[in-house]
Amino acid sequence: MAEITYVRGDATAPQGKGVKVIAHVCNDLGGWGKGFVLALSRRWPEPEAAFRRWHRERERAGNDFGLGAVQLVQVEPYVWVANLVGQRGIRTGRSTGVPVRYEAIDTALAALGDHARELGASAHMPRIGCGLAGGRWERVEPLVSARLVERGVPVTVYDVG
């Protein structure tokens, strides 16, 4: 049975063997410039470029950009990055409430589960939706369990060491 393993470390350097998908939450404004995405961009340029293109071309037919959508970007032969759109806007000085959208994360994780199973991959992530998006892990963790772990996808969650 798959499970969630918690480790101290860098989610951009996923541990273990086989195909790995690094999942993280993005906003629906096309913004990329704070939080975990900075670590991704330092390591690989492709996820940011693909995300910006996906957002820019969102009006085109067949483009599914929006809350709950997932974009997979291959960055190494056995490593993929999953851009999960699970945040409405961004937090600003005048914001009330948090940008996280748990239902969008749930939808995106379900799609990620399908992709991970097709790839025979494990999933690796920081505590998604709980940084700049303002979410609470006690709300996100059951979604990760239901959409990935219960479907046989092993998950590793990385906490900064």
N, C-alpha and C. Protein backbone atom coordinates (compact mmCIF):
# COMPACT_ATOMS: atom_id res chain seq x y z
N MET A 1 0.85 -1.19 0.00
CA MET A 1 0.00 0.00 0.00
C MET A 1 0.88 1.24 0.00
N ALA A 2 0.56 2.18 -0.85
CA ALA A 2 1.30 3.44 -0.92
C ALA A 2 1.02 4.25 0.34
N GLU A 3 1.89 5.20 0.61
CA GLU A 3 1.72 6.04 1.78
C GLU A 3 2.36 7.40 1.54
N ILE A 4 2.15 8.31 2.49
CA ILE A 4 2.83 9.60 2.47
C ILE A 4 4.03 9.48 3.40
N THR A 5 5.20 9.76 2.85
CA THR A 5 6.43 9.78 3.62
C THR A 5 6.85 11.24 3.77
N TYR A 6 7.17 11.63 4.98
CA TYR A 6 7.62 12.99 5.25
C TYR A 6 9.13 12.98 5.47
N VAL A 7 9.82 13.86 4.75
CA VAL A 7 11.28 13.96 4.88
C VAL A 7 11.69 15.42 4.96
N ARG A 8 12.89 15.65 5.49
CA ARG A 8 13.49 16.97 5.44
C ARG A 8 14.34 16.99 4.18
N GLY A 9 14.18 18.02 3.38
CA GLY A 9 14.97 18.08 2.16
C GLY A 9 14.36 19.00 1.14
N ASP A 10 14.88 18.88 -0.07
CA ASP A 10 14.55 19.75 -1.19
C ASP A 10 13.66 18.98 -2.17
N ALA A 11 12.45 19.45 -2.34
CA ALA A 11 11.52 18.76 -3.26
C ALA A 11 11.97 18.84 -4.71
N THR A 12 12.91 19.74 -5.04
CA THR A 12 13.40 19.79 -6.42
C THR A 12 14.50 18.74 -6.65
N ALA A 13 14.86 18.01 -5.60
CA ALA A 13 15.82 16.91 -5.71
C ALA A 13 15.14 15.66 -5.14
N PRO A 14 14.11 15.15 -5.84
CA PRO A 14 13.31 14.05 -5.29
C PRO A 14 14.12 12.79 -5.05
N GLN A 15 13.83 12.15 -3.92
CA GLN A 15 14.54 10.95 -3.51
C GLN A 15 13.86 9.71 -4.07
N GLY A 16 14.65 8.64 -4.19
CA GLY A 16 14.10 7.36 -4.61
C GLY A 16 14.42 7.04 -6.06
N LYS A 17 13.95 5.85 -6.45
CA LYS A 17 14.21 5.36 -7.80
C LYS A 17 12.96 5.49 -8.65
N GLY A 18 13.15 5.34 -9.94
CA GLY A 18 12.03 5.33 -10.86
C GLY A 18 11.59 6.73 -11.28
N VAL A 19 10.45 6.76 -11.95
CA VAL A 19 9.90 8.01 -12.46
C VAL A 19 9.31 8.80 -11.29
N LYS A 20 9.59 10.10 -11.28
CA LYS A 20 9.12 10.97 -10.21
C LYS A 20 8.41 12.19 -10.80
N VAL A 21 7.31 12.57 -10.16
CA VAL A 21 6.60 13.79 -10.55
C VAL A 21 6.64 14.74 -9.35
N ILE A 22 7.17 15.94 -9.57
CA ILE A 22 7.21 16.97 -8.54
C ILE A 22 5.98 17.85 -8.73
N ALA A 23 5.11 17.85 -7.73
CA ALA A 23 3.86 18.62 -7.82
C ALA A 23 3.95 19.89 -6.99
N HIS A 24 3.36 20.94 -7.50
CA HIS A 24 3.28 22.20 -6.75
C HIS A 24 2.05 22.96 -7.23
N VAL A 25 1.62 23.92 -6.43
CA VAL A 25 0.42 24.70 -6.74
C VAL A 25 0.80 26.04 -7.36
N CYS A 26 0.10 26.39 -8.44
CA CYS A 26 0.26 27.67 -9.14
C CYS A 26 -1.02 28.47 -9.01
N ASN A 27 -0.92 29.76 -9.33
CA ASN A 27 -2.10 30.62 -9.32
C ASN A 27 -2.73 30.70 -10.70
N ASP A 28 -3.94 31.23 -10.75
CA ASP A 28 -4.67 31.33 -12.03
C ASP A 28 -4.45 32.66 -12.74
N LEU A 29 -3.48 33.45 -12.26
CA LEU A 29 -3.15 34.73 -12.91
C LEU A 29 -1.96 34.61 -13.86
N GLY A 30 -1.31 33.45 -13.84
CA GLY A 30 -0.13 33.27 -14.67
C GLY A 30 1.13 33.79 -14.00
N GLY A 31 1.03 34.16 -12.73
CA GLY A 31 2.19 34.68 -12.01
C GLY A 31 3.12 33.55 -11.57
N TRP A 32 4.41 33.81 -11.70
CA TRP A 32 5.44 32.85 -11.32
C TRP A 32 6.61 33.68 -10.84
N GLY A 33 6.84 33.74 -9.55
CA GLY A 33 7.95 34.58 -9.10
C GLY A 33 8.19 34.60 -7.61
N LYS A 34 7.40 33.85 -6.84
CA LYS A 34 7.61 33.78 -5.40
C LYS A 34 7.36 32.35 -4.93
N GLY A 35 8.00 32.01 -3.82
CA GLY A 35 7.75 30.70 -3.22
C GLY A 35 8.52 29.58 -3.90
N PHE A 36 7.93 28.40 -3.88
CA PHE A 36 8.57 27.17 -4.36
C PHE A 36 8.98 27.26 -5.83
N VAL A 37 8.24 28.03 -6.63
CA VAL A 37 8.57 28.11 -8.06
C VAL A 37 9.96 28.67 -8.31
N LEU A 38 10.46 29.49 -7.38
CA LEU A 38 11.81 30.03 -7.54
C LEU A 38 12.84 28.91 -7.49
N ALA A 39 12.64 27.94 -6.59
CA ALA A 39 13.55 26.79 -6.52
C ALA A 39 13.45 25.96 -7.79
N LEU A 40 12.23 25.78 -8.30
CA LEU A 40 12.06 25.04 -9.56
C LEU A 40 12.80 25.73 -10.70
N SER A 41 12.62 27.05 -10.80
CA SER A 41 13.24 27.80 -11.89
C SER A 41 14.77 27.82 -11.79
N ARG A 42 15.30 27.78 -10.57
CA ARG A 42 16.76 27.72 -10.42
C ARG A 42 17.29 26.39 -10.97
N ARG A 43 16.49 25.37 -10.87
CA ARG A 43 16.93 24.04 -11.29
C ARG A 43 16.66 23.76 -12.77
N TRP A 44 15.48 24.16 -13.24
CA TRP A 44 15.08 23.91 -14.63
C TRP A 44 14.28 25.10 -15.17
N PRO A 45 14.55 25.55 -16.38
CA PRO A 45 13.76 26.65 -16.96
C PRO A 45 12.42 26.21 -17.55
N GLU A 46 12.29 24.94 -17.89
CA GLU A 46 11.12 24.47 -18.65
C GLU A 46 9.78 24.64 -17.93
N PRO A 47 9.66 24.33 -16.63
CA PRO A 47 8.33 24.47 -16.01
C PRO A 47 7.78 25.89 -16.05
N GLU A 48 8.62 26.88 -15.80
CA GLU A 48 8.16 28.27 -15.86
C GLU A 48 7.77 28.66 -17.28
N ALA A 49 8.63 28.33 -18.24
CA ALA A 49 8.33 28.68 -19.64
C ALA A 49 7.03 28.03 -20.10
N ALA A 50 6.85 26.76 -19.76
CA ALA A 50 5.63 26.05 -20.16
C ALA A 50 4.40 26.66 -19.48
N PHE A 51 4.51 26.97 -18.18
CA PHE A 51 3.39 27.56 -17.44
C PHE A 51 3.00 28.91 -18.04
N ARG A 52 3.98 29.76 -18.31
CA ARG A 52 3.68 31.10 -18.87
C ARG A 52 3.02 30.97 -20.25
N ARG A 53 3.51 30.03 -21.05
CA ARG A 53 2.93 29.80 -22.39
C ARG A 53 1.50 29.28 -22.25
N TRP A 54 1.29 28.35 -21.33
CA TRP A 54 -0.04 27.77 -21.07
C TRP A 54 -1.01 28.87 -20.67
N HIS A 55 -0.59 29.75 -19.79
CA HIS A 55 -1.45 30.87 -19.36
C HIS A 55 -1.70 31.85 -20.50
N ARG A 56 -0.65 32.21 -21.22
CA ARG A 56 -0.76 33.19 -22.31
C ARG A 56 -1.70 32.70 -23.41
N GLU A 57 -1.70 31.40 -23.66
CA GLU A 57 -2.50 30.83 -24.75
C GLU A 57 -3.82 30.24 -24.25
N ARG A 58 -4.27 30.66 -23.07
CA ARG A 58 -5.45 30.06 -22.43
C ARG A 58 -6.74 30.26 -23.20
N GLU A 59 -6.80 31.23 -24.08
CA GLU A 59 -8.01 31.46 -24.87
C GLU A 59 -8.12 30.53 -26.08
N ARG A 60 -7.05 29.83 -26.39
CA ARG A 60 -7.06 28.95 -27.56
C ARG A 60 -7.86 27.69 -27.31
N ALA A 61 -8.45 27.18 -28.34
CA ALA A 61 -9.22 25.93 -28.24
C ALA A 61 -8.30 24.82 -27.76
N GLY A 62 -8.82 23.99 -26.89
CA GLY A 62 -8.05 22.86 -26.39
C GLY A 62 -7.15 23.19 -25.22
N ASN A 63 -7.05 24.48 -24.86
CA ASN A 63 -6.22 24.86 -23.72
C ASN A 63 -7.09 24.82 -22.47
N ASP A 64 -6.69 24.01 -21.49
CA ASP A 64 -7.52 23.80 -20.30
C ASP A 64 -7.08 24.64 -19.11
N PHE A 65 -6.25 25.67 -19.33
CA PHE A 65 -5.75 26.47 -18.21
C PHE A 65 -6.90 27.01 -17.37
N GLY A 66 -6.80 26.83 -16.07
CA GLY A 66 -7.81 27.33 -15.13
C GLY A 66 -7.73 26.53 -13.85
N LEU A 67 -8.51 26.94 -12.86
CA LEU A 67 -8.51 26.25 -11.58
C LEU A 67 -8.78 24.76 -11.76
N GLY A 68 -7.95 23.94 -11.13
CA GLY A 68 -8.11 22.49 -11.21
C GLY A 68 -7.34 21.82 -12.33
N ALA A 69 -6.74 22.62 -13.22
CA ALA A 69 -6.01 22.05 -14.35
C ALA A 69 -4.59 21.64 -13.94
N VAL A 70 -4.02 20.73 -14.71
CA VAL A 70 -2.67 20.22 -14.47
C VAL A 70 -1.89 20.27 -15.77
N GLN A 71 -0.64 20.71 -15.66
CA GLN A 71 0.27 20.70 -16.80
C GLN A 71 1.51 19.91 -16.38
N LEU A 72 1.85 18.86 -17.12
CA LEU A 72 3.06 18.10 -16.84
C LEU A 72 4.17 18.51 -17.79
N VAL A 73 5.34 18.75 -17.21
CA VAL A 73 6.50 19.19 -17.98
C VAL A 73 7.66 18.26 -17.65
N GLN A 74 8.20 17.59 -18.66
CA GLN A 74 9.33 16.70 -18.41
C GLN A 74 10.61 17.52 -18.34
N VAL A 75 11.39 17.33 -17.25
CA VAL A 75 12.60 18.12 -17.05
C VAL A 75 13.87 17.28 -17.06
N GLU A 76 13.72 15.98 -16.87
CA GLU A 76 14.83 15.02 -16.94
C GLU A 76 14.21 13.72 -17.44
N PRO A 77 15.04 12.76 -17.85
CA PRO A 77 14.46 11.52 -18.37
C PRO A 77 13.44 10.86 -17.44
N TYR A 78 13.65 10.94 -16.12
CA TYR A 78 12.74 10.29 -15.18
C TYR A 78 12.10 11.27 -14.21
N VAL A 79 12.13 12.56 -14.53
CA VAL A 79 11.56 13.57 -13.64
C VAL A 79 10.64 14.50 -14.42
N TRP A 80 9.43 14.67 -13.87
CA TRP A 80 8.44 15.57 -14.43
C TRP A 80 8.06 16.60 -13.36
N VAL A 81 7.62 17.77 -13.78
CA VAL A 81 7.05 18.76 -12.87
C VAL A 81 5.58 18.92 -13.23
N ALA A 82 4.72 18.87 -12.21
CA ALA A 82 3.29 19.05 -12.41
C ALA A 82 2.88 20.42 -11.87
N ASN A 83 2.51 21.31 -12.79
CA ASN A 83 1.97 22.62 -12.43
C ASN A 83 0.48 22.44 -12.17
N LEU A 84 0.06 22.55 -10.90
CA LEU A 84 -1.34 22.37 -10.51
C LEU A 84 -1.94 23.75 -10.25
N VAL A 85 -2.98 24.12 -10.98
CA VAL A 85 -3.61 25.42 -10.75
C VAL A 85 -4.62 25.26 -9.62
N GLY A 86 -4.22 25.70 -8.43
CA GLY A 86 -5.04 25.51 -7.24
C GLY A 86 -5.15 26.75 -6.38
N GLN A 87 -4.89 27.90 -6.98
CA GLN A 87 -4.88 29.14 -6.23
C GLN A 87 -5.56 30.23 -7.07
N ARG A 88 -6.56 30.88 -6.49
CA ARG A 88 -7.26 31.99 -7.17
C ARG A 88 -6.52 33.28 -6.84
N GLY A 89 -5.87 33.85 -7.85
CA GLY A 89 -5.15 35.10 -7.64
C GLY A 89 -3.95 34.92 -6.72
N ILE A 90 -3.52 36.04 -6.17
CA ILE A 90 -2.39 36.04 -5.24
C ILE A 90 -2.74 36.91 -4.04
N ARG A 91 -2.02 36.70 -2.97
CA ARG A 91 -2.23 37.50 -1.77
C ARG A 91 -1.52 38.83 -1.94
N THR A 92 -2.22 39.90 -1.66
CA THR A 92 -1.62 41.24 -1.71
C THR A 92 -1.82 41.89 -0.34
N GLY A 93 -1.27 43.09 -0.18
CA GLY A 93 -1.40 43.79 1.09
C GLY A 93 -2.84 44.07 1.47
N ARG A 94 -3.73 44.16 0.49
CA ARG A 94 -5.14 44.45 0.74
C ARG A 94 -6.03 43.22 0.75
N SER A 95 -5.44 42.08 0.54
CA SER A 95 -6.23 40.85 0.42
C SER A 95 -6.97 40.52 1.71
N THR A 96 -8.16 40.02 1.53
CA THR A 96 -8.88 39.41 2.64
C THR A 96 -9.10 37.97 2.25
N GLY A 97 -8.85 37.08 3.16
CA GLY A 97 -8.96 35.66 2.82
C GLY A 97 -7.69 35.17 2.16
N VAL A 98 -7.68 33.89 1.86
CA VAL A 98 -6.50 33.27 1.26
C VAL A 98 -6.81 32.82 -0.16
N PRO A 99 -5.79 32.79 -1.02
CA PRO A 99 -6.03 32.41 -2.42
C PRO A 99 -6.21 30.92 -2.68
N VAL A 100 -5.85 30.06 -1.71
CA VAL A 100 -5.96 28.62 -1.94
C VAL A 100 -7.40 28.24 -2.27
N ARG A 101 -7.55 27.29 -3.19
CA ARG A 101 -8.86 26.75 -3.54
C ARG A 101 -8.74 25.23 -3.42
N TYR A 102 -9.24 24.72 -2.29
CA TYR A 102 -9.09 23.29 -2.00
C TYR A 102 -9.77 22.43 -3.06
N GLU A 103 -10.93 22.86 -3.55
CA GLU A 103 -11.63 22.06 -4.57
C GLU A 103 -10.82 21.98 -5.86
N ALA A 104 -10.09 23.04 -6.19
CA ALA A 104 -9.24 23.02 -7.38
C ALA A 104 -8.04 22.10 -7.16
N ILE A 105 -7.47 22.14 -5.97
CA ILE A 105 -6.35 21.23 -5.66
C ILE A 105 -6.83 19.79 -5.74
N ASP A 106 -8.02 19.52 -5.23
CA ASP A 106 -8.58 18.17 -5.28
C ASP A 106 -8.74 17.70 -6.73
N THR A 107 -9.29 18.55 -7.58
CA THR A 107 -9.47 18.22 -9.00
C THR A 107 -8.12 17.97 -9.67
N ALA A 108 -7.16 18.86 -9.40
CA ALA A 108 -5.84 18.72 -10.00
C ALA A 108 -5.13 17.46 -9.52
N LEU A 109 -5.25 17.16 -8.23
CA LEU A 109 -4.62 15.94 -7.70
C LEU A 109 -5.23 14.68 -8.31
N ALA A 110 -6.54 14.70 -8.59
CA ALA A 110 -7.17 13.54 -9.24
C ALA A 110 -6.57 13.32 -10.62
N ALA A 111 -6.39 14.41 -11.37
CA ALA A 111 -5.78 14.30 -12.70
C ALA A 111 -4.32 13.86 -12.57
N LEU A 112 -3.63 14.41 -11.57
CA LEU A 112 -2.24 14.02 -11.35
C LEU A 112 -2.15 12.52 -11.04
N GLY A 113 -3.10 12.02 -10.27
CA GLY A 113 -3.13 10.60 -9.96
C GLY A 113 -3.20 9.75 -11.22
N ASP A 114 -4.03 10.18 -12.17
CA ASP A 114 -4.12 9.46 -13.45
C ASP A 114 -2.77 9.46 -14.17
N HIS A 115 -2.16 10.65 -14.26
CA HIS A 115 -0.86 10.77 -14.95
C HIS A 115 0.21 9.94 -14.26
N ALA A 116 0.27 10.02 -12.93
CA ALA A 116 1.29 9.28 -12.19
C ALA A 116 1.14 7.78 -12.39
N ARG A 117 -0.09 7.31 -12.39
CA ARG A 117 -0.32 5.87 -12.62
C ARG A 117 0.11 5.46 -14.02
N GLU A 118 -0.19 6.30 -15.02
CA GLU A 118 0.21 6.00 -16.40
C GLU A 118 1.74 5.94 -16.52
N LEU A 119 2.42 6.84 -15.81
CA LEU A 119 3.88 6.90 -15.86
C LEU A 119 4.55 5.90 -14.93
N GLY A 120 3.77 5.28 -14.03
CA GLY A 120 4.36 4.43 -13.00
C GLY A 120 5.22 5.25 -12.05
N ALA A 121 4.79 6.47 -11.78
CA ALA A 121 5.60 7.43 -11.03
C ALA A 121 5.18 7.57 -9.58
N SER A 122 6.12 8.01 -8.78
CA SER A 122 5.83 8.47 -7.42
C SER A 122 5.66 9.99 -7.49
N ALA A 123 4.98 10.56 -6.47
CA ALA A 123 4.75 12.00 -6.42
C ALA A 123 5.58 12.61 -5.29
N HIS A 124 6.13 13.78 -5.56
CA HIS A 124 7.00 14.48 -4.62
C HIS A 124 6.53 15.92 -4.57
N MET A 125 6.50 16.50 -3.35
CA MET A 125 5.94 17.85 -3.24
C MET A 125 6.33 18.49 -1.92
N PRO A 126 6.34 19.82 -1.92
CA PRO A 126 6.33 20.49 -0.63
C PRO A 126 4.91 20.37 -0.08
N ARG A 127 4.59 21.03 1.01
CA ARG A 127 3.22 21.00 1.52
C ARG A 127 2.40 21.93 0.62
N ILE A 128 1.94 21.37 -0.49
CA ILE A 128 1.30 22.16 -1.54
C ILE A 128 0.10 22.94 -1.02
N GLY A 129 -0.03 24.16 -1.53
CA GLY A 129 -1.15 25.02 -1.17
C GLY A 129 -1.03 25.65 0.20
N CYS A 130 0.07 25.41 0.90
CA CYS A 130 0.19 25.86 2.30
C CYS A 130 1.24 26.96 2.48
N GLY A 131 1.84 27.39 1.41
CA GLY A 131 2.81 28.48 1.51
C GLY A 131 2.10 29.79 1.19
N LEU A 132 2.45 30.37 0.06
CA LEU A 132 1.87 31.65 -0.35
C LEU A 132 0.36 31.56 -0.57
N ALA A 133 -0.13 30.37 -0.91
CA ALA A 133 -1.57 30.20 -1.14
C ALA A 133 -2.38 30.30 0.16
N GLY A 134 -1.69 30.10 1.29
CA GLY A 134 -2.35 30.29 2.58
C GLY A 134 -3.18 29.13 3.08
N GLY A 135 -3.05 27.96 2.48
CA GLY A 135 -3.86 26.82 2.89
C GLY A 135 -3.32 26.15 4.15
N ARG A 136 -4.09 25.20 4.65
CA ARG A 136 -3.72 24.45 5.84
C ARG A 136 -3.49 22.98 5.45
N TRP A 137 -2.38 22.41 5.88
CA TRP A 137 -2.03 21.04 5.52
C TRP A 137 -3.09 20.06 5.99
N GLU A 138 -3.72 20.34 7.12
CA GLU A 138 -4.74 19.40 7.60
C GLU A 138 -5.94 19.34 6.66
N ARG A 139 -6.08 20.31 5.76
CA ARG A 139 -7.12 20.25 4.72
C ARG A 139 -6.58 19.63 3.42
N VAL A 140 -5.30 19.83 3.15
CA VAL A 140 -4.71 19.34 1.90
C VAL A 140 -4.32 17.86 2.00
N GLU A 141 -3.77 17.46 3.13
CA GLU A 141 -3.28 16.09 3.28
C GLU A 141 -4.34 15.03 2.96
N PRO A 142 -5.61 15.19 3.41
CA PRO A 142 -6.61 14.17 3.04
C PRO A 142 -6.87 14.12 1.53
N LEU A 143 -6.70 15.23 0.83
CA LEU A 143 -6.87 15.25 -0.63
C LEU A 143 -5.74 14.46 -1.28
N VAL A 144 -4.51 14.68 -0.79
CA VAL A 144 -3.36 13.95 -1.31
C VAL A 144 -3.55 12.45 -1.07
N SER A 145 -4.02 12.10 0.11
CA SER A 145 -4.26 10.68 0.43
C SER A 145 -5.31 10.07 -0.49
N ALA A 146 -6.43 10.76 -0.66
CA ALA A 146 -7.54 10.22 -1.45
C ALA A 146 -7.20 10.13 -2.93
N ARG A 147 -6.56 11.15 -3.48
CA ARG A 147 -6.33 11.21 -4.93
C ARG A 147 -5.06 10.53 -5.42
N LEU A 148 -4.10 10.36 -4.50
CA LEU A 148 -2.84 9.73 -4.90
C LEU A 148 -2.60 8.43 -4.13
N VAL A 149 -2.44 8.52 -2.83
CA VAL A 149 -2.05 7.37 -2.01
C VAL A 149 -3.04 6.22 -2.15
N GLU A 150 -4.33 6.51 -2.01
CA GLU A 150 -5.35 5.45 -2.09
C GLU A 150 -5.44 4.84 -3.48
N ARG A 151 -4.83 5.48 -4.46
CA ARG A 151 -4.82 4.95 -5.83
C ARG A 151 -3.49 4.29 -6.15
N GLY A 152 -2.65 4.12 -5.11
CA GLY A 152 -1.40 3.39 -5.30
C GLY A 152 -0.20 4.23 -5.67
N VAL A 153 -0.31 5.55 -5.58
CA VAL A 153 0.81 6.44 -5.92
C VAL A 153 1.54 6.81 -4.62
N PRO A 154 2.80 6.37 -4.47
CA PRO A 154 3.56 6.76 -3.29
C PRO A 154 3.85 8.27 -3.33
N VAL A 155 3.77 8.91 -2.17
CA VAL A 155 3.97 10.36 -2.08
C VAL A 155 5.05 10.65 -1.06
N THR A 156 5.96 11.54 -1.42
CA THR A 156 6.94 12.07 -0.46
C THR A 156 6.72 13.55 -0.34
N VAL A 157 6.56 14.01 0.91
CA VAL A 157 6.37 15.44 1.21
C VAL A 157 7.67 15.93 1.84
N TYR A 158 8.18 17.02 1.27
CA TYR A 158 9.46 17.58 1.70
C TYR A 158 9.25 18.82 2.55
N ASP A 159 9.84 18.81 3.72
CA ASP A 159 9.88 19.99 4.57
C ASP A 159 11.30 20.52 4.53
N VAL A 160 11.43 21.83 4.45
CA VAL A 160 12.76 22.43 4.37
C VAL A 160 13.54 22.08 5.62
N GLY A 161 14.78 21.63 5.43
CA GLY A 161 15.61 21.15 6.52
C GLY A 161 16.23 22.17 7.36
